[in-house]
């Protein structure tokens, strides 16, 4: 390697380190004022920081869009609309219960025993809500024809549990129902 190339490589490395230091020292480096990276008024809330209410609103919007996508893919017949409505109402109630439980737990400053008792109570409520949601899903599933059942199976098998940003969420890459 020539002397010129060594000097050029050294200069690039120094510039890179300087840029990294400037980014970390800048307004968004290491959190700063960027709510998505843990800075700003909601500092310390959520996985990536930010305002918990804003995060919940984003999750609600994501779920609503996801259900719209599923509904469009199912191409429901008029006689299936009541089962769909029951399904979405059960989902909405389940997610509202989860949000309420999180807000309740966030505001508590209980001792160790109360902490675990509250967690158990929350899990029992979550289980009851899941059972209601499973029944509503079963009712909808029973009203679907074979092609619609396949669409629903693919939709949940390929995107369930991957969250807002995961592979396959919202019918993105990896979701066979979109292909």
C-alpha atoms as a PDB file:
ATOM      1  CA  UNK A   1       0.000   0.000   0.000  1.00  0.00           C
ATOM      2  CA  UNK A   2       1.406   3.357  -0.970  1.00  0.00           C
ATOM      3  CA  UNK A   3       2.122   6.126   1.501  1.00  0.00           C
ATOM      4  CA  UNK A   4      -0.632   8.213  -0.070  1.00  0.00           C
ATOM      5  CA  UNK A   5      -3.199   5.430   0.458  1.00  0.00           C
ATOM      6  CA  UNK A   6      -2.104   4.993   4.088  1.00  0.00           C
ATOM      7  CA  UNK A   7      -2.526   8.704   4.738  1.00  0.00           C
ATOM      8  CA  UNK A   8      -5.912   8.692   2.994  1.00  0.00           C
ATOM      9  CA  UNK A   9      -7.062   5.690   5.036  1.00  0.00           C
ATOM     10  CA  UNK A  10      -5.836   7.319   8.266  1.00  0.00           C
ATOM     11  CA  UNK A  11      -7.639  10.562   7.407  1.00  0.00           C
ATOM     12  CA  UNK A  12     -10.851   8.652   6.686  1.00  0.00           C
ATOM     13  CA  UNK A  13     -10.595   6.799  10.008  1.00  0.00           C
ATOM     14  CA  UNK A  14      -9.990  10.025  11.943  1.00  0.00           C
ATOM     15  CA  UNK A  15     -12.896  11.739  10.149  1.00  0.00           C
ATOM     16  CA  UNK A  16     -15.136   8.775  10.900  1.00  0.00           C
ATOM     17  CA  UNK A  17     -14.264   8.854  14.590  1.00  0.00           C
ATOM     18  CA  UNK A  18     -14.784  12.608  14.678  1.00  0.00           C
ATOM     19  CA  UNK A  19     -18.174  12.270  13.025  1.00  0.00           C
ATOM     20  CA  UNK A  20     -19.181   9.543  15.485  1.00  0.00           C
ATOM     21  CA  UNK A  21     -18.181  11.754  18.408  1.00  0.00           C
ATOM     22  CA  UNK A  22     -20.109  14.688  16.949  1.00  0.00           C
ATOM     23  CA  UNK A  23     -23.224  12.553  16.521  1.00  0.00           C
ATOM     24  CA  UNK A  24     -23.042  11.309  20.107  1.00  0.00           C
ATOM     25  CA  UNK A  25     -22.464  14.813  21.426  1.00  0.00           C
ATOM     26  CA  UNK A  26     -25.155  16.316  19.183  1.00  0.00           C
ATOM     27  CA  UNK A  27     -28.763  16.979  20.144  1.00  0.00           C
ATOM     28  CA  UNK A  28     -29.927  13.443  19.318  1.00  0.00           C
ATOM     29  CA  UNK A  29     -26.816  11.472  20.161  1.00  0.00           C
ATOM     30  CA  UNK A  30     -27.323   9.050  23.024  1.00  0.00           C
ATOM     31  CA  UNK A  31     -30.977  10.052  23.295  1.00  0.00           C
ATOM     32  CA  UNK A  32     -30.875  13.843  23.316  1.00  0.00           C
ATOM     33  CA  UNK A  33     -34.245  15.246  22.295  1.00  0.00           C
ATOM     34  CA  UNK A  34     -35.259  12.431  19.981  1.00  0.00           C
ATOM     35  CA  UNK A  35     -38.252  10.726  21.633  1.00  0.00           C
ATOM     36  CA  UNK A  36     -37.852   7.543  19.592  1.00  0.00           C
ATOM     37  CA  UNK A  37     -34.336   7.071  20.920  1.00  0.00           C
ATOM     38  CA  UNK A  38     -35.151   7.657  24.554  1.00  0.00           C
ATOM     39  CA  UNK A  39     -34.722  11.424  24.779  1.00  0.00           C
ATOM     40  CA  UNK A  40     -37.098  14.288  25.212  1.00  0.00           C
ATOM     41  CA  UNK A  41     -39.925  14.750  27.702  1.00  0.00           C
ATOM     42  CA  UNK A  42     -40.845  11.049  27.830  1.00  0.00           C
ATOM     43  CA  UNK A  43     -37.272   9.978  28.508  1.00  0.00           C
ATOM     44  CA  UNK A  44     -37.029   6.482  29.848  1.00  0.00           C
ATOM     45  CA  UNK A  45     -40.480   5.274  28.772  1.00  0.00           C
ATOM     46  CA  UNK A  46     -41.041   2.297  26.526  1.00  0.00           C
ATOM     47  CA  UNK A  47     -38.540   0.201  24.657  1.00  0.00           C
ATOM     48  CA  UNK A  48     -37.209   3.066  22.629  1.00  0.00           C
ATOM     49  CA  UNK A  49     -38.243   5.881  24.919  1.00  0.00           C
ATOM     50  CA  UNK A  50     -40.806   8.441  23.933  1.00  0.00           C
ATOM     51  CA  UNK A  51     -44.234   9.235  25.226  1.00  0.00           C
ATOM     52  CA  UNK A  52     -46.153   6.121  26.394  1.00  0.00           C
ATOM     53  CA  UNK A  53     -49.466   7.545  25.191  1.00  0.00           C
ATOM     54  CA  UNK A  54     -47.980   8.238  21.761  1.00  0.00           C
ATOM     55  CA  UNK A  55     -46.584   4.716  21.621  1.00  0.00           C
ATOM     56  CA  UNK A  56     -49.987   3.246  22.547  1.00  0.00           C
ATOM     57  CA  UNK A  57     -51.686   5.375  19.887  1.00  0.00           C
ATOM     58  CA  UNK A  58     -49.207   4.087  17.304  1.00  0.00           C
ATOM     59  CA  UNK A  59     -49.933   0.496  18.353  1.00  0.00           C
ATOM     60  CA  UNK A  60     -53.690   1.081  18.135  1.00  0.00           C
ATOM     61  CA  UNK A  61     -53.294   2.548  14.655  1.00  0.00           C
ATOM     62  CA  UNK A  62     -51.157  -0.420  13.609  1.00  0.00           C
ATOM     63  CA  UNK A  63     -53.760  -2.898  14.905  1.00  0.00           C
ATOM     64  CA  UNK A  64     -56.589  -1.042  13.169  1.00  0.00           C
ATOM     65  CA  UNK A  65     -54.695  -1.079   9.862  1.00  0.00           C
ATOM     66  CA  UNK A  66     -53.917  -4.760  10.336  1.00  0.00           C
ATOM     67  CA  UNK A  67     -57.579  -5.603  10.876  1.00  0.00           C
ATOM     68  CA  UNK A  68     -58.566  -3.538   7.819  1.00  0.00           C
ATOM     69  CA  UNK A  69     -56.028  -5.497   5.807  1.00  0.00           C
ATOM     70  CA  UNK A  70     -57.394  -8.833   7.052  1.00  0.00           C
ATOM     71  CA  UNK A  71     -60.973  -7.761   6.386  1.00  0.00           C
ATOM     72  CA  UNK A  72     -60.076  -6.774   2.821  1.00  0.00           C
ATOM     73  CA  UNK A  73     -58.302 -10.085   2.227  1.00  0.00           C
ATOM     74  CA  UNK A  74     -61.202 -12.116   3.617  1.00  0.00           C
ATOM     75  CA  UNK A  75     -63.717 -10.508   1.242  1.00  0.00           C
ATOM     76  CA  UNK A  76     -66.503 -11.049   3.761  1.00  0.00           C
ATOM     77  CA  UNK A  77     -70.039 -11.775   2.694  1.00  0.00           C
ATOM     78  CA  UNK A  78     -72.928  -9.850   4.303  1.00  0.00           C
ATOM     79  CA  UNK A  79     -73.916 -12.862   6.399  1.00  0.00           C
ATOM     80  CA  UNK A  80     -70.383 -12.961   7.886  1.00  0.00           C
ATOM     81  CA  UNK A  81     -70.363  -9.332   9.055  1.00  0.00           C
ATOM     82  CA  UNK A  82     -71.798 -10.042  12.542  1.00  0.00           C
ATOM     83  CA  UNK A  83     -69.085 -12.623  13.236  1.00  0.00           C
ATOM     84  CA  UNK A  84     -66.460 -10.127  12.006  1.00  0.00           C
ATOM     85  CA  UNK A  85     -67.900  -7.432  14.261  1.00  0.00           C
ATOM     86  CA  UNK A  86     -67.757  -9.771  17.281  1.00  0.00           C
ATOM     87  CA  UNK A  87     -64.163 -10.656  16.408  1.00  0.00           C
ATOM     88  CA  UNK A  88     -63.023  -7.030  16.164  1.00  0.00           C
ATOM     89  CA  UNK A  89     -64.944  -5.991  19.285  1.00  0.00           C
ATOM     90  CA  UNK A  90     -63.267  -8.783  21.272  1.00  0.00           C
ATOM     91  CA  UNK A  91     -59.874  -7.709  19.951  1.00  0.00           C
ATOM     92  CA  UNK A  92     -60.532  -4.062  20.789  1.00  0.00           C
ATOM     93  CA  UNK A  93     -61.668  -4.967  24.319  1.00  0.00           C
ATOM     94  CA  UNK A  94     -58.625  -7.191  24.821  1.00  0.00           C
ATOM     95  CA  UNK A  95     -56.200  -4.463  23.775  1.00  0.00           C
ATOM     96  CA  UNK A  96     -58.032  -1.824  25.827  1.00  0.00           C
ATOM     97  CA  UNK A  97     -57.706  -4.091  28.880  1.00  0.00           C
ATOM     98  CA  UNK A  98     -53.990  -4.505  28.208  1.00  0.00           C
ATOM     99  CA  UNK A  99     -53.483  -0.742  27.972  1.00  0.00           C
ATOM    100  CA  UNK A 100     -55.467  -0.149  31.164  1.00  0.00           C
ATOM    101  CA  UNK A 101     -53.426  -2.783  32.995  1.00  0.00           C
ATOM    102  CA  UNK A 102     -50.148  -1.227  31.826  1.00  0.00           C
ATOM    103  CA  UNK A 103     -51.239   2.232  32.924  1.00  0.00           C
ATOM    104  CA  UNK A 104     -52.331   0.902  36.311  1.00  0.00           C
ATOM    105  CA  UNK A 105     -49.066  -0.933  36.864  1.00  0.00           C
ATOM    106  CA  UNK A 106     -47.006   2.028  35.680  1.00  0.00           C
ATOM    107  CA  UNK A 107     -48.608   4.261  38.319  1.00  0.00           C
ATOM    108  CA  UNK A 108     -48.112   1.857  41.217  1.00  0.00           C
ATOM    109  CA  UNK A 109     -45.400   2.145  43.779  1.00  0.00           C
ATOM    110  CA  UNK A 110     -46.260  -1.034  45.665  1.00  0.00           C
ATOM    111  CA  UNK A 111     -44.107  -3.294  47.755  1.00  0.00           C
ATOM    112  CA  UNK A 112     -42.753  -6.607  46.525  1.00  0.00           C
ATOM    113  CA  UNK A 113     -45.728  -8.740  47.608  1.00  0.00           C
ATOM    114  CA  UNK A 114     -48.284  -6.294  46.207  1.00  0.00           C
ATOM    115  CA  UNK A 115     -46.267  -6.103  42.987  1.00  0.00           C
ATOM    116  CA  UNK A 116     -46.603  -9.852  42.411  1.00  0.00           C
ATOM    117  CA  UNK A 117     -50.249  -9.936  43.494  1.00  0.00           C
ATOM    118  CA  UNK A 118     -50.995  -7.160  40.991  1.00  0.00           C
ATOM    119  CA  UNK A 119     -49.134  -9.066  38.286  1.00  0.00           C
ATOM    120  CA  UNK A 120     -51.129 -12.223  38.987  1.00  0.00           C
ATOM    121  CA  UNK A 121     -54.394 -10.285  38.889  1.00  0.00           C
ATOM    122  CA  UNK A 122     -53.340  -8.723  35.580  1.00  0.00           C
ATOM    123  CA  UNK A 123     -52.454 -12.126  34.134  1.00  0.00           C
ATOM    124  CA  UNK A 124     -55.811 -13.564  35.208  1.00  0.00           C
ATOM    125  CA  UNK A 125     -57.596 -10.654  33.520  1.00  0.00           C
ATOM    126  CA  UNK A 126     -55.436 -11.146  30.432  1.00  0.00           C
ATOM    127  CA  UNK A 127     -56.313 -14.860  30.338  1.00  0.00           C
ATOM    128  CA  UNK A 128     -60.046 -14.136  30.606  1.00  0.00           C
ATOM    129  CA  UNK A 129     -59.740 -11.580  27.821  1.00  0.00           C
ATOM    130  CA  UNK A 130     -57.797 -14.045  25.650  1.00  0.00           C
ATOM    131  CA  UNK A 131     -60.510 -16.670  26.155  1.00  0.00           C
ATOM    132  CA  UNK A 132     -63.161 -14.181  25.025  1.00  0.00           C
ATOM    133  CA  UNK A 133     -61.033 -13.296  22.016  1.00  0.00           C
ATOM    134  CA  UNK A 134     -60.492 -16.978  21.178  1.00  0.00           C
ATOM    135  CA  UNK A 135     -64.242 -17.629  21.273  1.00  0.00           C
ATOM    136  CA  UNK A 136     -64.935 -14.665  18.979  1.00  0.00           C
ATOM    137  CA  UNK A 137     -62.193 -15.873  16.636  1.00  0.00           C
ATOM    138  CA  UNK A 138     -63.742 -19.357  16.618  1.00  0.00           C
ATOM    139  CA  UNK A 139     -67.160 -17.870  15.833  1.00  0.00           C
ATOM    140  CA  UNK A 140     -65.712 -15.931  12.909  1.00  0.00           C
ATOM    141  CA  UNK A 141     -63.719 -18.924  11.708  1.00  0.00           C
ATOM    142  CA  UNK A 142     -66.861 -21.095  11.719  1.00  0.00           C
ATOM    143  CA  UNK A 143     -68.595 -18.543   9.465  1.00  0.00           C
ATOM    144  CA  UNK A 144     -65.777 -18.550   6.873  1.00  0.00           C
ATOM    145  CA  UNK A 145     -65.503 -20.728   3.785  1.00  0.00           C
ATOM    146  CA  UNK A 146     -62.392 -22.844   3.122  1.00  0.00           C
ATOM    147  CA  UNK A 147     -60.584 -20.144   1.092  1.00  0.00           C
ATOM    148  CA  UNK A 148     -61.258 -17.499   3.741  1.00  0.00           C
ATOM    149  CA  UNK A 149     -60.021 -19.838   6.470  1.00  0.00           C
ATOM    150  CA  UNK A 150     -56.763 -20.275   4.567  1.00  0.00           C
ATOM    151  CA  UNK A 151     -56.398 -16.493   4.261  1.00  0.00           C
ATOM    152  CA  UNK A 152     -56.973 -16.088   7.996  1.00  0.00           C
ATOM    153  CA  UNK A 153     -54.619 -18.946   8.874  1.00  0.00           C
ATOM    154  CA  UNK A 154     -51.872 -17.514   6.679  1.00  0.00           C
ATOM    155  CA  UNK A 155     -52.418 -14.004   8.011  1.00  0.00           C
ATOM    156  CA  UNK A 156     -51.965 -15.008  11.638  1.00  0.00           C
ATOM    157  CA  UNK A 157     -49.375 -17.742  11.090  1.00  0.00           C
ATOM    158  CA  UNK A 158     -47.085 -15.425   9.180  1.00  0.00           C
ATOM    159  CA  UNK A 159     -47.488 -12.160  11.040  1.00  0.00           C
ATOM    160  CA  UNK A 160     -48.782 -12.872  14.544  1.00  0.00           C
ATOM    161  CA  UNK A 161     -46.549 -11.916  17.425  1.00  0.00           C
ATOM    162  CA  UNK A 162     -44.029 -10.014  15.378  1.00  0.00           C
ATOM    163  CA  UNK A 163     -45.110  -6.618  16.585  1.00  0.00           C
ATOM    164  CA  UNK A 164     -45.158  -3.347  14.726  1.00  0.00           C
ATOM    165  CA  UNK A 165     -41.663  -3.587  13.324  1.00  0.00           C
ATOM    166  CA  UNK A 166     -41.054  -7.298  12.868  1.00  0.00           C
ATOM    167  CA  UNK A 167     -40.711  -9.306   9.695  1.00  0.00           C
ATOM    168  CA  UNK A 168     -44.136 -10.063   8.337  1.00  0.00           C
ATOM    169  CA  UNK A 169     -45.998  -7.471  10.380  1.00  0.00           C
ATOM    170  CA  UNK A 170     -48.670  -5.632   8.404  1.00  0.00           C
ATOM    171  CA  UNK A 171     -48.304  -8.135   5.621  1.00  0.00           C
ATOM    172  CA  UNK A 172     -44.708  -7.209   4.909  1.00  0.00           C
ATOM    173  CA  UNK A 173     -41.869  -9.464   3.813  1.00  0.00           C
ATOM    174  CA  UNK A 174     -42.270 -12.987   5.034  1.00  0.00           C
ATOM    175  CA  UNK A 175     -46.061 -12.850   5.165  1.00  0.00           C
ATOM    176  CA  UNK A 176     -47.264 -15.482   2.738  1.00  0.00           C
ATOM    177  CA  UNK A 177     -50.746 -13.991   2.734  1.00  0.00           C
ATOM    178  CA  UNK A 178     -49.455 -11.026   0.722  1.00  0.00           C
ATOM    179  CA  UNK A 179     -47.764 -13.097  -1.957  1.00  0.00           C
END
